[in-house]
Amino acid sequence: MILRRWGRPTSTRTRSETSSPSPASRAPPTSCGRSRNRLALMSDLQVLRARHDVIAALLVAAENAEHVMRICSSAAPDAADELVRTFGVSDLQAQAILEMQLRRFAPEAAAAMRAELVEVSRRISEIEAR
């Protein structure tokens, strides 16, 4: 260690020796060169099915906005359980509803979700047909 002018210690190592490795070098690359993460390990079909489930739950919530708001405001700690009981959604779907932004309850957003649900369903059918 070398002391600087004001007594602060400084390292004699170079910046390249002390810097942390880049994010790409931390995880082993996949065959296409991307770092591995949860979505990269899932197949396209699994990702699409998960997205379909989430969109379907958000659409149910948007179509029943008043009821969802009532549940969320009256049963705050148990809101997820109440959503599961009331609408028959999964725990994951209930969590997605609870994290839903208020603007997603607007009629335009519901229409966009319907269109996305149709598109995701089409892509799922396309993959399953292969």
C-alpha atoms as a PDB file:
ATOM      1  CA  MET A   1       0.000   0.000   0.000  1.00  0.00           C
ATOM      2  CA  ILE A   2       1.087   3.507  -0.754  1.00  0.00           C
ATOM      3  CA  LEU A   3       0.039   6.489   1.352  1.00  0.00           C
ATOM      4  CA  ARG A   4      -1.267   9.437  -0.571  1.00  0.00           C
ATOM      5  CA  ARG A   5      -0.544  13.034   0.326  1.00  0.00           C
ATOM      6  CA  TRP A   6      -3.365  13.281   2.920  1.00  0.00           C
ATOM      7  CA  GLY A   7      -2.679   9.919   4.515  1.00  0.00           C
ATOM      8  CA  ARG A   8      -5.311   7.885   2.707  1.00  0.00           C
ATOM      9  CA  PRO A   9      -4.056   4.449   1.733  1.00  0.00           C
ATOM     10  CA  THR A  10      -4.223   3.533  -1.902  1.00  0.00           C
ATOM     11  CA  SER A  11      -3.749   0.179  -3.517  1.00  0.00           C
ATOM     12  CA  THR A  12      -0.861  -0.595  -5.836  1.00  0.00           C
ATOM     13  CA  ARG A  13      -3.039  -2.876  -7.919  1.00  0.00           C
ATOM     14  CA  THR A  14      -4.261  -1.686 -11.282  1.00  0.00           C
ATOM     15  CA  ARG A  15      -7.896  -0.984 -12.035  1.00  0.00           C
ATOM     16  CA  SER A  16      -8.259  -4.148 -14.108  1.00  0.00           C
ATOM     17  CA  GLU A  17      -7.045  -6.236 -11.155  1.00  0.00           C
ATOM     18  CA  THR A  18      -9.554  -4.731  -8.741  1.00  0.00           C
ATOM     19  CA  SER A  19     -12.612  -4.330 -10.921  1.00  0.00           C
ATOM     20  CA  SER A  20     -15.349  -6.905 -10.706  1.00  0.00           C
ATOM     21  CA  PRO A  21     -15.981  -9.169 -13.655  1.00  0.00           C
ATOM     22  CA  SER A  22     -18.534  -8.085 -16.189  1.00  0.00           C
ATOM     23  CA  PRO A  23     -22.059  -9.540 -15.821  1.00  0.00           C
ATOM     24  CA  ALA A  24     -21.560 -11.592 -18.980  1.00  0.00           C
ATOM     25  CA  SER A  25     -18.465 -13.282 -17.572  1.00  0.00           C
ATOM     26  CA  ARG A  26     -20.099 -14.215 -14.241  1.00  0.00           C
ATOM     27  CA  ALA A  27     -22.632 -16.679 -15.624  1.00  0.00           C
ATOM     28  CA  PRO A  28     -21.782 -19.335 -18.139  1.00  0.00           C
ATOM     29  CA  PRO A  29     -23.098 -18.375 -21.555  1.00  0.00           C
ATOM     30  CA  THR A  30     -25.818 -20.335 -23.272  1.00  0.00           C
ATOM     31  CA  SER A  31     -25.436 -21.572 -26.812  1.00  0.00           C
ATOM     32  CA  CYS A  32     -26.622 -18.232 -28.174  1.00  0.00           C
ATOM     33  CA  GLY A  33     -24.214 -16.225 -26.009  1.00  0.00           C
ATOM     34  CA  ARG A  34     -26.715 -14.857 -23.475  1.00  0.00           C
ATOM     35  CA  SER A  35     -26.215 -15.283 -19.755  1.00  0.00           C
ATOM     36  CA  ARG A  36     -28.470 -17.856 -18.177  1.00  0.00           C
ATOM     37  CA  ASN A  37     -31.460 -16.658 -16.282  1.00  0.00           C
ATOM     38  CA  ARG A  38     -34.789 -18.124 -15.367  1.00  0.00           C
ATOM     39  CA  LEU A  39     -36.552 -17.121 -18.565  1.00  0.00           C
ATOM     40  CA  ALA A  40     -33.692 -18.292 -20.758  1.00  0.00           C
ATOM     41  CA  LEU A  41     -33.986 -21.741 -19.230  1.00  0.00           C
ATOM     42  CA  MET A  42     -37.717 -21.922 -19.837  1.00  0.00           C
ATOM     43  CA  SER A  43     -38.949 -22.953 -23.209  1.00  0.00           C
ATOM     44  CA  ASP A  44     -40.854 -20.482 -25.355  1.00  0.00           C
ATOM     45  CA  LEU A  45     -44.005 -22.484 -24.747  1.00  0.00           C
ATOM     46  CA  GLN A  46     -43.619 -22.291 -20.968  1.00  0.00           C
ATOM     47  CA  VAL A  47     -43.049 -18.540 -21.140  1.00  0.00           C
ATOM     48  CA  LEU A  48     -46.105 -18.068 -23.356  1.00  0.00           C
ATOM     49  CA  ARG A  49     -48.298 -20.206 -21.097  1.00  0.00           C
ATOM     50  CA  ALA A  50     -47.175 -18.252 -18.033  1.00  0.00           C
ATOM     51  CA  ARG A  51     -47.845 -14.962 -19.841  1.00  0.00           C
ATOM     52  CA  HIS A  52     -51.271 -16.258 -20.930  1.00  0.00           C
ATOM     53  CA  ASP A  53     -52.169 -17.072 -17.309  1.00  0.00           C
ATOM     54  CA  VAL A  54     -51.090 -13.647 -16.068  1.00  0.00           C
ATOM     55  CA  ILE A  55     -52.927 -11.758 -18.829  1.00  0.00           C
ATOM     56  CA  ALA A  56     -56.074 -13.821 -18.235  1.00  0.00           C
ATOM     57  CA  ALA A  57     -55.989 -12.948 -14.522  1.00  0.00           C
ATOM     58  CA  LEU A  58     -55.414  -9.249 -15.223  1.00  0.00           C
ATOM     59  CA  LEU A  59     -58.322  -9.284 -17.645  1.00  0.00           C
ATOM     60  CA  VAL A  60     -60.608 -10.877 -15.034  1.00  0.00           C
ATOM     61  CA  ALA A  61     -59.534  -8.168 -12.596  1.00  0.00           C
ATOM     62  CA  ALA A  62     -60.109  -5.376 -15.128  1.00  0.00           C
ATOM     63  CA  GLU A  63     -63.589  -6.693 -15.934  1.00  0.00           C
ATOM     64  CA  ASN A  64     -64.425  -6.869 -12.208  1.00  0.00           C
ATOM     65  CA  ALA A  65     -62.611  -3.711 -11.140  1.00  0.00           C
ATOM     66  CA  GLU A  66     -65.032  -2.610  -8.412  1.00  0.00           C
ATOM     67  CA  HIS A  67     -65.086  -6.027  -6.781  1.00  0.00           C
ATOM     68  CA  VAL A  68     -61.273  -6.320  -6.943  1.00  0.00           C
ATOM     69  CA  MET A  69     -60.853  -2.845  -5.425  1.00  0.00           C
ATOM     70  CA  ARG A  70     -63.278  -3.735  -2.636  1.00  0.00           C
ATOM     71  CA  ILE A  71     -61.360  -6.941  -1.871  1.00  0.00           C
ATOM     72  CA  CYS A  72     -57.995  -5.156  -1.905  1.00  0.00           C
ATOM     73  CA  SER A  73     -59.156  -2.345   0.357  1.00  0.00           C
ATOM     74  CA  SER A  74     -61.083  -4.444   2.883  1.00  0.00           C
ATOM     75  CA  ALA A  75     -58.841  -7.504   3.187  1.00  0.00           C
ATOM     76  CA  ALA A  76     -55.379  -6.001   2.712  1.00  0.00           C
ATOM     77  CA  PRO A  77     -53.298  -8.726   4.403  1.00  0.00           C
ATOM     78  CA  ASP A  78     -55.485 -11.550   3.073  1.00  0.00           C
ATOM     79  CA  ALA A  79     -56.317  -9.971  -0.283  1.00  0.00           C
ATOM     80  CA  ALA A  80     -54.464 -12.619  -2.299  1.00  0.00           C
ATOM     81  CA  ASP A  81     -56.341 -15.441  -0.564  1.00  0.00           C
ATOM     82  CA  GLU A  82     -59.642 -13.646  -1.095  1.00  0.00           C
ATOM     83  CA  LEU A  83     -58.886 -13.146  -4.810  1.00  0.00           C
ATOM     84  CA  VAL A  84     -58.105 -16.867  -5.123  1.00  0.00           C
ATOM     85  CA  ARG A  85     -61.408 -17.794  -3.437  1.00  0.00           C
ATOM     86  CA  THR A  86     -63.539 -15.244  -5.283  1.00  0.00           C
ATOM     87  CA  PHE A  87     -62.202 -15.520  -8.835  1.00  0.00           C
ATOM     88  CA  GLY A  88     -60.644 -18.996  -8.820  1.00  0.00           C
ATOM     89  CA  VAL A  89     -57.210 -17.720  -9.821  1.00  0.00           C
ATOM     90  CA  SER A  90     -53.878 -19.230  -8.769  1.00  0.00           C
ATOM     91  CA  ASP A  91     -51.614 -17.686  -6.135  1.00  0.00           C
ATOM     92  CA  LEU A  92     -49.335 -16.365  -8.885  1.00  0.00           C
ATOM     93  CA  GLN A  93     -52.294 -14.811 -10.705  1.00  0.00           C
ATOM     94  CA  ALA A  94     -53.577 -13.251  -7.467  1.00  0.00           C
ATOM     95  CA  GLN A  95     -50.154 -11.702  -6.891  1.00  0.00           C
ATOM     96  CA  ALA A  96     -50.183 -10.303 -10.438  1.00  0.00           C
ATOM     97  CA  ILE A  97     -53.601  -8.749  -9.771  1.00  0.00           C
ATOM     98  CA  LEU A  98     -52.364  -7.174  -6.528  1.00  0.00           C
ATOM     99  CA  GLU A  99     -49.376  -5.679  -8.357  1.00  0.00           C
ATOM    100  CA  MET A 100     -51.570  -4.408 -11.187  1.00  0.00           C
ATOM    101  CA  GLN A 101     -51.341  -0.676 -11.916  1.00  0.00           C
ATOM    102  CA  LEU A 102     -54.564   1.317 -11.723  1.00  0.00           C
ATOM    103  CA  ARG A 103     -54.318   2.395 -15.358  1.00  0.00           C
ATOM    104  CA  ARG A 104     -54.691  -1.285 -16.363  1.00  0.00           C
ATOM    105  CA  PHE A 105     -58.313  -1.110 -15.139  1.00  0.00           C
ATOM    106  CA  ALA A 106     -59.224   1.381 -17.899  1.00  0.00           C
ATOM    107  CA  PRO A 107     -61.400   0.074 -20.758  1.00  0.00           C
ATOM    108  CA  GLU A 108     -58.645   0.782 -23.306  1.00  0.00           C
ATOM    109  CA  ALA A 109     -56.176  -1.270 -21.283  1.00  0.00           C
ATOM    110  CA  ALA A 110     -58.672  -4.132 -21.026  1.00  0.00           C
ATOM    111  CA  ALA A 111     -59.085  -4.074 -24.812  1.00  0.00           C
ATOM    112  CA  ALA A 112     -55.307  -4.179 -25.236  1.00  0.00           C
ATOM    113  CA  MET A 113     -55.112  -7.118 -22.821  1.00  0.00           C
ATOM    114  CA  ARG A 114     -57.797  -8.972 -24.805  1.00  0.00           C
ATOM    115  CA  ALA A 115     -55.808  -8.431 -27.999  1.00  0.00           C
ATOM    116  CA  GLU A 116     -52.602  -9.603 -26.320  1.00  0.00           C
ATOM    117  CA  LEU A 117     -54.402 -12.670 -24.956  1.00  0.00           C
ATOM    118  CA  VAL A 118     -55.559 -13.570 -28.473  1.00  0.00           C
ATOM    119  CA  GLU A 119     -52.023 -13.101 -29.823  1.00  0.00           C
ATOM    120  CA  VAL A 120     -50.442 -15.207 -27.074  1.00  0.00           C
ATOM    121  CA  SER A 121     -53.066 -17.934 -27.600  1.00  0.00           C
ATOM    122  CA  ARG A 122     -52.305 -17.922 -31.319  1.00  0.00           C
ATOM    123  CA  ARG A 123     -48.575 -18.248 -30.679  1.00  0.00           C
ATOM    124  CA  ILE A 124     -49.152 -21.114 -28.220  1.00  0.00           C
ATOM    125  CA  SER A 125     -51.273 -22.954 -30.800  1.00  0.00           C
ATOM    126  CA  GLU A 126     -48.613 -22.328 -33.427  1.00  0.00           C
ATOM    127  CA  ILE A 127     -45.855 -23.812 -31.259  1.00  0.00           C
ATOM    128  CA  GLU A 128     -47.988 -26.801 -30.225  1.00  0.00           C
ATOM    129  CA  ALA A 129     -48.764 -27.541 -33.894  1.00  0.00           C
ATOM    130  CA  ARG A 130     -45.067 -28.013 -34.732  1.00  0.00           C
END
